[in-house]
Amino acid sequence: MSDQLFIVLRVCLLALVYLVFLRVLRAVWVELRAESAAPAGPAPTPARRPPKPAPTGVDPRPAASPTMVSTGGARLVVVAPVSLAGHTFALDGETTIGRGAGCGVSIDDAHVSKLHARLSPDGGEWMLEDLGSTNGTVLDGDPVSRPTPIRPGSRITIGEVVLEFA
């Protein structure tokens, strides 16, 4: 081959390397700007201490049906990993779960998509829906493929994080 062809190939290769480098820089820039511009969402708060045990024969739970949940008192409590255990997220209406800064429940885990799942009240009960996440959403050991009713005490696994619905 001629020297001119080698020079053209070198220039093309160099241009390709610069384009990849600029693309990476742009992605980092967009990510940093999005995180600083978006509201951080509700800050996690430590979970409350469990109530003292009730006297024998008395059920400490309310008499309401477990499927009937008001939107005012619903929350998610982090169960695992241990480093995050006890953090509580209050649920006020439709709430998204994910890695993105705009999510109501923001989880910093590489296995969590930016918009991973959604919890929403629907006629007196809460529904859990996977939003097309890469690694999926698991409810009490079963993968969530469509909007699924969720009950108090149910465990949601998203990435490496386990949340309990209360």
N, C-alpha and C. Protein backbone atom coordinates (compact mmCIF):
# COMPACT_ATOMS: atom_id res chain seq x y z
N MET A 1 0.84 -1.18 0.00
CA MET A 1 0.00 0.00 0.00
C MET A 1 0.88 1.24 0.00
N SER A 2 0.28 2.30 -0.42
CA SER A 2 1.06 3.54 -0.52
C SER A 2 1.09 4.29 0.80
N ASP A 3 2.06 5.16 0.92
CA ASP A 3 2.19 5.97 2.13
C ASP A 3 0.99 6.90 2.31
N GLN A 4 0.43 7.36 1.24
CA GLN A 4 -0.73 8.27 1.33
C GLN A 4 -1.93 7.56 1.96
N LEU A 5 -2.13 6.29 1.62
CA LEU A 5 -3.23 5.53 2.19
C LEU A 5 -3.04 5.34 3.70
N PHE A 6 -1.81 5.05 4.13
CA PHE A 6 -1.52 4.92 5.56
C PHE A 6 -1.78 6.22 6.30
N ILE A 7 -1.43 7.33 5.72
CA ILE A 7 -1.67 8.64 6.36
C ILE A 7 -3.16 8.87 6.51
N VAL A 8 -3.95 8.58 5.50
CA VAL A 8 -5.41 8.75 5.56
C VAL A 8 -5.99 7.84 6.65
N LEU A 9 -5.55 6.59 6.70
CA LEU A 9 -6.05 5.67 7.73
C LEU A 9 -5.69 6.15 9.13
N ARG A 10 -4.49 6.65 9.33
CA ARG A 10 -4.08 7.19 10.65
C ARG A 10 -4.96 8.37 11.05
N VAL A 11 -5.21 9.27 10.13
CA VAL A 11 -6.05 10.44 10.42
C VAL A 11 -7.47 9.99 10.78
N CYS A 12 -8.01 9.03 10.06
CA CYS A 12 -9.35 8.51 10.37
C CYS A 12 -9.39 7.86 11.74
N LEU A 13 -8.38 7.07 12.05
CA LEU A 13 -8.32 6.43 13.36
C LEU A 13 -8.22 7.47 14.48
N LEU A 14 -7.40 8.47 14.28
CA LEU A 14 -7.25 9.53 15.27
C LEU A 14 -8.56 10.29 15.45
N ALA A 15 -9.26 10.56 14.38
CA ALA A 15 -10.55 11.24 14.45
C ALA A 15 -11.55 10.39 15.22
N LEU A 16 -11.56 9.08 14.97
CA LEU A 16 -12.46 8.19 15.68
C LEU A 16 -12.17 8.17 17.18
N VAL A 17 -10.90 8.15 17.56
CA VAL A 17 -10.53 8.17 18.98
C VAL A 17 -11.01 9.46 19.62
N TYR A 18 -10.83 10.59 18.97
CA TYR A 18 -11.29 11.87 19.51
C TYR A 18 -12.81 11.91 19.62
N LEU A 19 -13.53 11.37 18.67
CA LEU A 19 -14.99 11.35 18.74
C LEU A 19 -15.48 10.53 19.93
N VAL A 20 -14.87 9.39 20.17
CA VAL A 20 -15.24 8.57 21.32
C VAL A 20 -14.95 9.32 22.62
N PHE A 21 -13.80 9.94 22.70
CA PHE A 21 -13.43 10.70 23.89
C PHE A 21 -14.41 11.84 24.13
N LEU A 22 -14.78 12.57 23.09
CA LEU A 22 -15.74 13.67 23.24
C LEU A 22 -17.12 13.16 23.63
N ARG A 23 -17.51 12.00 23.13
CA ARG A 23 -18.80 11.42 23.50
C ARG A 23 -18.84 11.07 24.99
N VAL A 24 -17.76 10.51 25.49
CA VAL A 24 -17.68 10.18 26.92
C VAL A 24 -17.74 11.45 27.76
N LEU A 25 -17.01 12.47 27.36
CA LEU A 25 -17.04 13.74 28.10
C LEU A 25 -18.44 14.34 28.09
N ARG A 26 -19.13 14.28 26.96
CA ARG A 26 -20.48 14.82 26.87
C ARG A 26 -21.44 14.06 27.80
N ALA A 27 -21.32 12.74 27.82
CA ALA A 27 -22.19 11.94 28.69
C ALA A 27 -21.97 12.28 30.16
N VAL A 28 -20.73 12.45 30.56
CA VAL A 28 -20.43 12.83 31.95
C VAL A 28 -20.98 14.22 32.24
N TRP A 29 -20.81 15.14 31.31
CA TRP A 29 -21.30 16.51 31.50
C TRP A 29 -22.83 16.53 31.66
N VAL A 30 -23.53 15.80 30.81
CA VAL A 30 -25.00 15.76 30.89
C VAL A 30 -25.44 15.15 32.22
N GLU A 31 -24.78 14.09 32.63
CA GLU A 31 -25.14 13.43 33.90
C GLU A 31 -24.92 14.36 35.09
N LEU A 32 -23.81 15.09 35.10
CA LEU A 32 -23.53 16.01 36.21
C LEU A 32 -24.52 17.17 36.22
N ARG A 33 -24.84 17.69 35.07
CA ARG A 33 -25.80 18.80 35.00
C ARG A 33 -27.18 18.36 35.43
N ALA A 34 -27.59 17.14 35.04
CA ALA A 34 -28.92 16.64 35.41
C ALA A 34 -29.03 16.44 36.91
N GLU A 35 -27.98 15.95 37.55
CA GLU A 35 -28.03 15.73 38.99
C GLU A 35 -28.05 17.03 39.76
N SER A 36 -27.34 18.06 39.29
CA SER A 36 -27.31 19.32 40.02
C SER A 36 -28.57 20.12 39.77
N ALA A 37 -29.25 19.94 38.63
CA ALA A 37 -30.45 20.72 38.31
C ALA A 37 -31.71 20.11 38.90
N ALA A 38 -31.77 18.79 39.03
CA ALA A 38 -32.98 18.13 39.51
C ALA A 38 -33.04 18.17 41.03
N PRO A 39 -34.27 18.28 41.60
CA PRO A 39 -34.39 18.22 43.05
C PRO A 39 -34.00 16.83 43.53
N ALA A 40 -33.40 16.79 44.68
CA ALA A 40 -32.88 15.53 45.22
C ALA A 40 -33.96 14.59 45.70
N GLY A 41 -35.20 15.05 45.82
CA GLY A 41 -36.28 14.20 46.32
C GLY A 41 -36.24 14.15 47.84
N PRO A 42 -37.17 13.41 48.43
CA PRO A 42 -37.19 13.34 49.88
C PRO A 42 -35.96 12.62 50.43
N ALA A 43 -35.39 13.20 51.45
CA ALA A 43 -34.22 12.59 52.07
C ALA A 43 -34.66 11.42 52.93
N PRO A 44 -33.94 10.32 52.89
CA PRO A 44 -34.32 9.19 53.72
C PRO A 44 -34.17 9.54 55.20
N THR A 45 -35.10 9.03 55.98
CA THR A 45 -35.06 9.28 57.42
C THR A 45 -34.95 7.94 58.13
N PRO A 46 -34.31 7.92 59.28
CA PRO A 46 -34.20 6.65 59.99
C PRO A 46 -35.58 6.12 60.37
N ALA A 47 -35.72 4.81 60.36
CA ALA A 47 -37.00 4.20 60.71
C ALA A 47 -37.29 4.40 62.20
N ARG A 48 -38.56 4.44 62.50
CA ARG A 48 -38.96 4.57 63.90
C ARG A 48 -38.73 3.26 64.63
N ARG A 49 -38.58 3.37 65.94
CA ARG A 49 -38.43 2.16 66.74
C ARG A 49 -39.75 1.39 66.71
N PRO A 50 -39.68 0.08 66.74
CA PRO A 50 -40.93 -0.69 66.75
C PRO A 50 -41.68 -0.44 68.05
N PRO A 51 -43.01 -0.48 67.99
CA PRO A 51 -43.79 -0.27 69.22
C PRO A 51 -43.56 -1.39 70.22
N LYS A 52 -43.82 -1.08 71.47
CA LYS A 52 -43.69 -2.09 72.51
C LYS A 52 -44.71 -3.19 72.26
N PRO A 53 -44.36 -4.43 72.60
CA PRO A 53 -45.31 -5.53 72.36
C PRO A 53 -46.60 -5.31 73.15
N ALA A 54 -47.71 -5.68 72.50
CA ALA A 54 -49.01 -5.55 73.14
C ALA A 54 -49.21 -6.67 74.16
N PRO A 55 -50.08 -6.46 75.11
CA PRO A 55 -50.37 -7.52 76.07
C PRO A 55 -50.87 -8.77 75.35
N THR A 56 -50.71 -9.91 75.97
CA THR A 56 -51.11 -11.18 75.37
C THR A 56 -52.58 -11.16 75.00
N GLY A 57 -52.87 -11.66 73.79
CA GLY A 57 -54.26 -11.72 73.35
C GLY A 57 -54.72 -10.48 72.62
N VAL A 58 -53.92 -9.43 72.54
CA VAL A 58 -54.33 -8.20 71.87
C VAL A 58 -53.53 -8.08 70.58
N ASP A 59 -54.21 -7.87 69.46
CA ASP A 59 -53.55 -7.70 68.17
C ASP A 59 -53.18 -6.24 68.01
N PRO A 60 -51.87 -5.89 67.94
CA PRO A 60 -51.46 -4.51 67.86
C PRO A 60 -51.74 -3.87 66.50
N ARG A 61 -52.05 -4.67 65.47
CA ARG A 61 -52.32 -4.12 64.15
C ARG A 61 -53.72 -3.54 64.08
N PRO A 62 -53.92 -2.56 63.21
CA PRO A 62 -55.27 -2.01 63.05
C PRO A 62 -56.21 -3.05 62.47
N ALA A 63 -57.50 -2.85 62.67
CA ALA A 63 -58.50 -3.81 62.24
C ALA A 63 -58.78 -3.73 60.75
N ALA A 64 -58.23 -2.76 60.03
CA ALA A 64 -58.50 -2.59 58.60
C ALA A 64 -57.95 -3.77 57.81
N SER A 65 -58.54 -3.99 56.66
CA SER A 65 -58.09 -5.05 55.77
C SER A 65 -56.68 -4.77 55.29
N PRO A 66 -55.80 -5.79 55.16
CA PRO A 66 -54.43 -5.53 54.74
C PRO A 66 -54.31 -4.99 53.32
N THR A 67 -55.32 -5.20 52.47
CA THR A 67 -55.23 -4.68 51.11
C THR A 67 -55.66 -3.23 51.03
N MET A 68 -56.38 -2.76 52.01
CA MET A 68 -56.84 -1.37 51.99
C MET A 68 -55.79 -0.50 52.67
N VAL A 69 -55.09 0.30 51.87
CA VAL A 69 -54.01 1.13 52.37
C VAL A 69 -54.29 2.56 51.99
N SER A 70 -54.27 3.46 52.94
CA SER A 70 -54.43 4.87 52.60
C SER A 70 -53.10 5.41 52.10
N THR A 71 -53.16 6.41 51.21
CA THR A 71 -51.93 6.95 50.65
C THR A 71 -51.16 7.75 51.67
N GLY A 72 -51.79 8.15 52.77
CA GLY A 72 -51.12 9.01 53.74
C GLY A 72 -50.04 8.32 54.55
N GLY A 73 -50.20 7.02 54.88
CA GLY A 73 -49.26 6.39 55.79
C GLY A 73 -48.36 5.36 55.16
N ALA A 74 -48.45 5.17 53.86
CA ALA A 74 -47.63 4.14 53.22
C ALA A 74 -46.17 4.58 53.17
N ARG A 75 -45.27 3.59 53.31
CA ARG A 75 -43.85 3.90 53.27
C ARG A 75 -43.07 2.66 52.87
N LEU A 76 -41.82 2.88 52.47
CA LEU A 76 -40.89 1.81 52.16
C LEU A 76 -39.75 1.88 53.16
N VAL A 77 -39.39 0.75 53.74
CA VAL A 77 -38.30 0.68 54.70
C VAL A 77 -37.21 -0.21 54.10
N VAL A 78 -35.98 0.29 54.08
CA VAL A 78 -34.86 -0.48 53.54
C VAL A 78 -34.50 -1.59 54.53
N VAL A 79 -34.47 -2.83 54.05
CA VAL A 79 -34.14 -3.99 54.87
C VAL A 79 -32.69 -4.42 54.64
N ALA A 80 -32.26 -4.38 53.40
CA ALA A 80 -30.88 -4.77 53.04
C ALA A 80 -30.42 -3.85 51.91
N PRO A 81 -29.17 -3.58 51.82
CA PRO A 81 -28.02 -4.04 52.58
C PRO A 81 -27.97 -3.39 53.97
N VAL A 82 -27.15 -3.94 54.81
CA VAL A 82 -27.06 -3.50 56.20
C VAL A 82 -26.68 -2.02 56.29
N SER A 83 -25.84 -1.55 55.36
CA SER A 83 -25.39 -0.16 55.42
C SER A 83 -26.53 0.83 55.22
N LEU A 84 -27.63 0.41 54.59
CA LEU A 84 -28.77 1.30 54.37
C LEU A 84 -29.99 0.91 55.19
N ALA A 85 -29.91 -0.20 55.90
CA ALA A 85 -31.06 -0.71 56.65
C ALA A 85 -31.62 0.33 57.59
N GLY A 86 -32.96 0.41 57.61
CA GLY A 86 -33.64 1.34 58.50
C GLY A 86 -34.06 2.64 57.85
N HIS A 87 -33.51 2.99 56.69
CA HIS A 87 -33.94 4.21 56.01
C HIS A 87 -35.39 4.04 55.56
N THR A 88 -36.17 5.10 55.72
CA THR A 88 -37.59 5.06 55.39
C THR A 88 -37.90 6.11 54.34
N PHE A 89 -38.74 5.72 53.39
CA PHE A 89 -39.21 6.64 52.35
C PHE A 89 -40.73 6.70 52.43
N ALA A 90 -41.28 7.89 52.67
CA ALA A 90 -42.73 8.07 52.70
C ALA A 90 -43.26 8.07 51.27
N LEU A 91 -44.41 7.44 51.07
CA LEU A 91 -45.03 7.38 49.75
C LEU A 91 -46.24 8.30 49.72
N ASP A 92 -46.17 9.31 48.89
CA ASP A 92 -47.27 10.25 48.73
C ASP A 92 -47.77 10.16 47.30
N GLY A 93 -48.75 9.32 47.05
CA GLY A 93 -49.25 9.14 45.70
C GLY A 93 -48.26 8.34 44.86
N GLU A 94 -48.33 8.55 43.54
CA GLU A 94 -47.46 7.82 42.62
C GLU A 94 -46.00 8.15 42.90
N THR A 95 -45.18 7.12 43.10
CA THR A 95 -43.77 7.30 43.44
C THR A 95 -42.91 6.42 42.54
N THR A 96 -41.87 7.02 41.96
CA THR A 96 -40.94 6.25 41.15
C THR A 96 -39.75 5.82 41.99
N ILE A 97 -39.20 4.66 41.64
CA ILE A 97 -38.02 4.11 42.31
C ILE A 97 -36.94 3.95 41.26
N GLY A 98 -35.74 4.43 41.56
CA GLY A 98 -34.65 4.28 40.60
C GLY A 98 -33.39 4.97 41.04
N ARG A 99 -32.43 5.00 40.13
CA ARG A 99 -31.13 5.62 40.39
C ARG A 99 -31.14 7.10 40.06
N GLY A 100 -32.10 7.56 39.26
CA GLY A 100 -32.18 8.95 38.84
C GLY A 100 -32.45 9.89 39.99
N ALA A 101 -31.95 11.12 39.86
CA ALA A 101 -32.10 12.11 40.92
C ALA A 101 -33.54 12.55 41.11
N GLY A 102 -34.37 12.45 40.10
CA GLY A 102 -35.75 12.89 40.19
C GLY A 102 -36.70 11.86 40.77
N CYS A 103 -36.22 10.69 41.13
CA CYS A 103 -37.08 9.63 41.67
C CYS A 103 -37.46 9.92 43.11
N GLY A 104 -38.67 9.52 43.48
CA GLY A 104 -39.11 9.68 44.86
C GLY A 104 -38.31 8.82 45.82
N VAL A 105 -37.92 7.63 45.36
CA VAL A 105 -37.06 6.74 46.13
C VAL A 105 -35.81 6.54 45.28
N SER A 106 -34.73 7.23 45.65
CA SER A 106 -33.49 7.18 44.89
C SER A 106 -32.54 6.17 45.51
N ILE A 107 -32.11 5.20 44.70
CA ILE A 107 -31.24 4.12 45.16
C ILE A 107 -29.93 4.19 44.38
N ASP A 108 -28.84 4.34 45.08
CA ASP A 108 -27.52 4.42 44.44
C ASP A 108 -26.93 3.02 44.35
N ASP A 109 -27.28 2.32 43.27
CA ASP A 109 -26.82 0.96 43.05
C ASP A 109 -26.66 0.77 41.55
N ALA A 110 -25.54 0.19 41.12
CA ALA A 110 -25.27 0.02 39.70
C ALA A 110 -26.27 -0.92 39.03
N HIS A 111 -26.96 -1.77 39.78
CA HIS A 111 -27.92 -2.71 39.22
C HIS A 111 -29.33 -2.11 39.11
N VAL A 112 -29.49 -0.85 39.48
CA VAL A 112 -30.78 -0.19 39.45
C VAL A 112 -30.81 0.76 38.25
N SER A 113 -31.89 0.71 37.47
CA SER A 113 -32.05 1.61 36.33
C SER A 113 -32.40 3.01 36.81
N LYS A 114 -32.23 4.01 35.94
CA LYS A 114 -32.56 5.39 36.33
C LYS A 114 -34.03 5.50 36.70
N LEU A 115 -34.92 4.92 35.92
CA LEU A 115 -36.34 4.79 36.26
C LEU A 115 -36.62 3.30 36.29
N HIS A 116 -36.65 2.71 37.47
CA HIS A 116 -36.69 1.26 37.60
C HIS A 116 -38.12 0.74 37.79
N ALA A 117 -38.84 1.30 38.76
CA ALA A 117 -40.18 0.81 39.08
C ALA A 117 -41.04 1.97 39.56
N ARG A 118 -42.35 1.68 39.66
CA ARG A 118 -43.29 2.70 40.12
C ARG A 118 -44.28 2.07 41.09
N LEU A 119 -44.56 2.79 42.18
CA LEU A 119 -45.61 2.42 43.13
C LEU A 119 -46.71 3.46 43.00
N SER A 120 -47.96 3.00 42.86
CA SER A 120 -49.06 3.95 42.74
C SER A 120 -50.30 3.40 43.42
N PRO A 121 -51.05 4.29 44.08
CA PRO A 121 -52.31 3.86 44.69
C PRO A 121 -53.36 3.65 43.60
N ASP A 122 -54.17 2.61 43.77
CA ASP A 122 -55.20 2.32 42.77
C ASP A 122 -56.42 1.74 43.48
N GLY A 123 -57.40 2.58 43.72
CA GLY A 123 -58.65 2.12 44.32
C GLY A 123 -58.50 1.46 45.67
N GLY A 124 -57.72 2.02 46.55
CA GLY A 124 -57.59 1.49 47.91
C GLY A 124 -56.44 0.52 48.11
N GLU A 125 -55.73 0.16 47.06
CA GLU A 125 -54.55 -0.68 47.22
C GLU A 125 -53.40 -0.09 46.42
N TRP A 126 -52.21 -0.54 46.70
CA TRP A 126 -51.02 -0.05 46.00
C TRP A 126 -50.62 -1.05 44.93
N MET A 127 -50.15 -0.51 43.80
CA MET A 127 -49.71 -1.34 42.68
C MET A 127 -48.22 -1.10 42.44
N LEU A 128 -47.48 -2.18 42.19
CA LEU A 128 -46.05 -2.11 41.85
C LEU A 128 -45.91 -2.47 40.38
N GLU A 129 -45.15 -1.63 39.66
CA GLU A 129 -44.96 -1.85 38.23
C GLU A 129 -43.49 -1.67 37.88
N ASP A 130 -42.94 -2.62 37.13
CA ASP A 130 -41.58 -2.49 36.62
C ASP A 130 -41.64 -1.60 35.38
N LEU A 131 -40.73 -0.64 35.26
CA LEU A 131 -40.74 0.31 34.15
C LEU A 131 -39.75 -0.08 33.05
N GLY A 132 -39.66 -1.38 32.76
CA GLY A 132 -38.76 -1.84 31.71
C GLY A 132 -37.30 -1.81 32.13
N SER A 133 -37.05 -2.05 33.40
CA SER A 133 -35.68 -2.01 33.92
C SER A 133 -34.84 -3.14 33.33
N THR A 134 -33.54 -2.94 33.34
CA THR A 134 -32.62 -3.94 32.79
C THR A 134 -32.59 -5.20 33.64
N ASN A 135 -32.52 -5.05 34.96
CA ASN A 135 -32.36 -6.20 35.86
C ASN A 135 -33.66 -6.66 36.51
N GLY A 136 -34.76 -6.00 36.24
CA GLY A 136 -36.05 -6.43 36.74
C GLY A 136 -36.33 -6.04 38.18
N THR A 137 -37.59 -6.23 38.55
CA THR A 137 -38.08 -5.95 39.90
C THR A 137 -38.68 -7.25 40.43
N VAL A 138 -38.40 -7.56 41.70
CA VAL A 138 -38.89 -8.81 42.30
C VAL A 138 -39.76 -8.45 43.51
N LEU A 139 -40.96 -9.04 43.55
CA LEU A 139 -41.89 -8.83 44.66
C LEU A 139 -42.08 -10.16 45.37
N ASP A 140 -41.63 -10.25 46.62
CA ASP A 140 -41.74 -11.48 47.42
C ASP A 140 -41.22 -12.70 46.66
N GLY A 141 -40.10 -12.55 45.97
CA GLY A 141 -39.45 -13.67 45.28
C GLY A 141 -39.92 -13.90 43.85
N ASP A 142 -40.97 -13.21 43.41
CA ASP A 142 -41.49 -13.40 42.06
C ASP A 142 -41.20 -12.16 41.20
N PRO A 143 -40.74 -12.35 39.96
CA PRO A 143 -40.49 -11.20 39.09
C PRO A 143 -41.80 -10.48 38.76
N VAL A 144 -41.72 -9.16 38.68
CA VAL A 144 -42.89 -8.34 38.35
C VAL A 144 -42.87 -8.07 36.86
N SER A 145 -43.91 -8.56 36.14
CA SER A 145 -43.96 -8.36 34.69
C SER A 145 -45.11 -7.43 34.29
N ARG A 146 -46.02 -7.17 35.19
CA ARG A 146 -47.16 -6.27 34.94
C ARG A 146 -47.53 -5.61 36.26
N PRO A 147 -48.36 -4.57 36.25
CA PRO A 147 -48.75 -3.96 37.52
C PRO A 147 -49.33 -5.02 38.47
N THR A 148 -48.77 -5.08 39.67
CA THR A 148 -49.10 -6.12 40.63
C THR A 148 -49.48 -5.49 41.97
N PRO A 149 -50.58 -5.94 42.58
CA PRO A 149 -50.95 -5.41 43.90
C PRO A 149 -49.90 -5.77 44.94
N ILE A 150 -49.68 -4.86 45.86
CA ILE A 150 -48.69 -5.06 46.91
C ILE A 150 -49.36 -4.86 48.26
N ARG A 151 -48.99 -5.68 49.22
CA ARG A 151 -49.61 -5.62 50.55
C ARG A 151 -48.57 -5.25 51.60
N PRO A 152 -49.01 -4.72 52.73
CA PRO A 152 -48.06 -4.41 53.81
C PRO A 152 -47.28 -5.65 54.20
N GLY A 153 -45.97 -5.48 54.39
CA GLY A 153 -45.10 -6.59 54.72
C GLY A 153 -44.42 -7.21 53.52
N SER A 154 -44.90 -6.88 52.31
CA SER A 154 -44.28 -7.42 51.09
C SER A 154 -42.89 -6.85 50.92
N ARG A 155 -42.01 -7.64 50.32
CA ARG A 155 -40.62 -7.20 50.10
C ARG A 155 -40.36 -7.04 48.61
N ILE A 156 -39.79 -5.89 48.28
CA ILE A 156 -39.45 -5.54 46.90
C ILE A 156 -37.93 -5.59 46.79
N THR A 157 -37.42 -6.35 45.82
CA THR A 157 -35.99 -6.42 45.58
C THR A 157 -35.70 -5.70 44.27
N ILE A 158 -34.87 -4.67 44.38
CA ILE A 158 -34.45 -3.88 43.22
C ILE A 158 -32.94 -3.80 43.28
N GLY A 159 -32.27 -4.44 42.33
CA GLY A 159 -30.82 -4.50 42.38
C GLY A 159 -30.39 -5.29 43.61
N GLU A 160 -29.52 -4.72 44.41
CA GLU A 160 -29.05 -5.37 45.64
C GLU A 160 -29.83 -4.88 46.85
N VAL A 161 -30.82 -4.02 46.65
CA VAL A 161 -31.55 -3.40 47.75
C VAL A 161 -32.90 -4.11 47.95
N VAL A 162 -33.23 -4.39 49.21
CA VAL A 162 -34.51 -4.99 49.57
C VAL A 162 -35.30 -3.97 50.37
N LEU A 163 -36.51 -3.66 49.90
CA LEU A 163 -37.40 -2.69 50.56
C LEU A 163 -38.63 -3.41 51.06
N GLU A 164 -39.08 -3.04 52.25
CA GLU A 164 -40.31 -3.62 52.79
C GLU A 164 -41.41 -2.57 52.73
N PHE A 165 -42.55 -2.95 52.18
CA PHE A 165 -43.69 -2.05 52.08
C PHE A 165 -44.46 -2.07 53.38
N ALA A 166 -44.69 -0.90 53.95
CA ALA A 166 -45.43 -0.83 55.23
C ALA A 166 -46.52 0.22 55.14
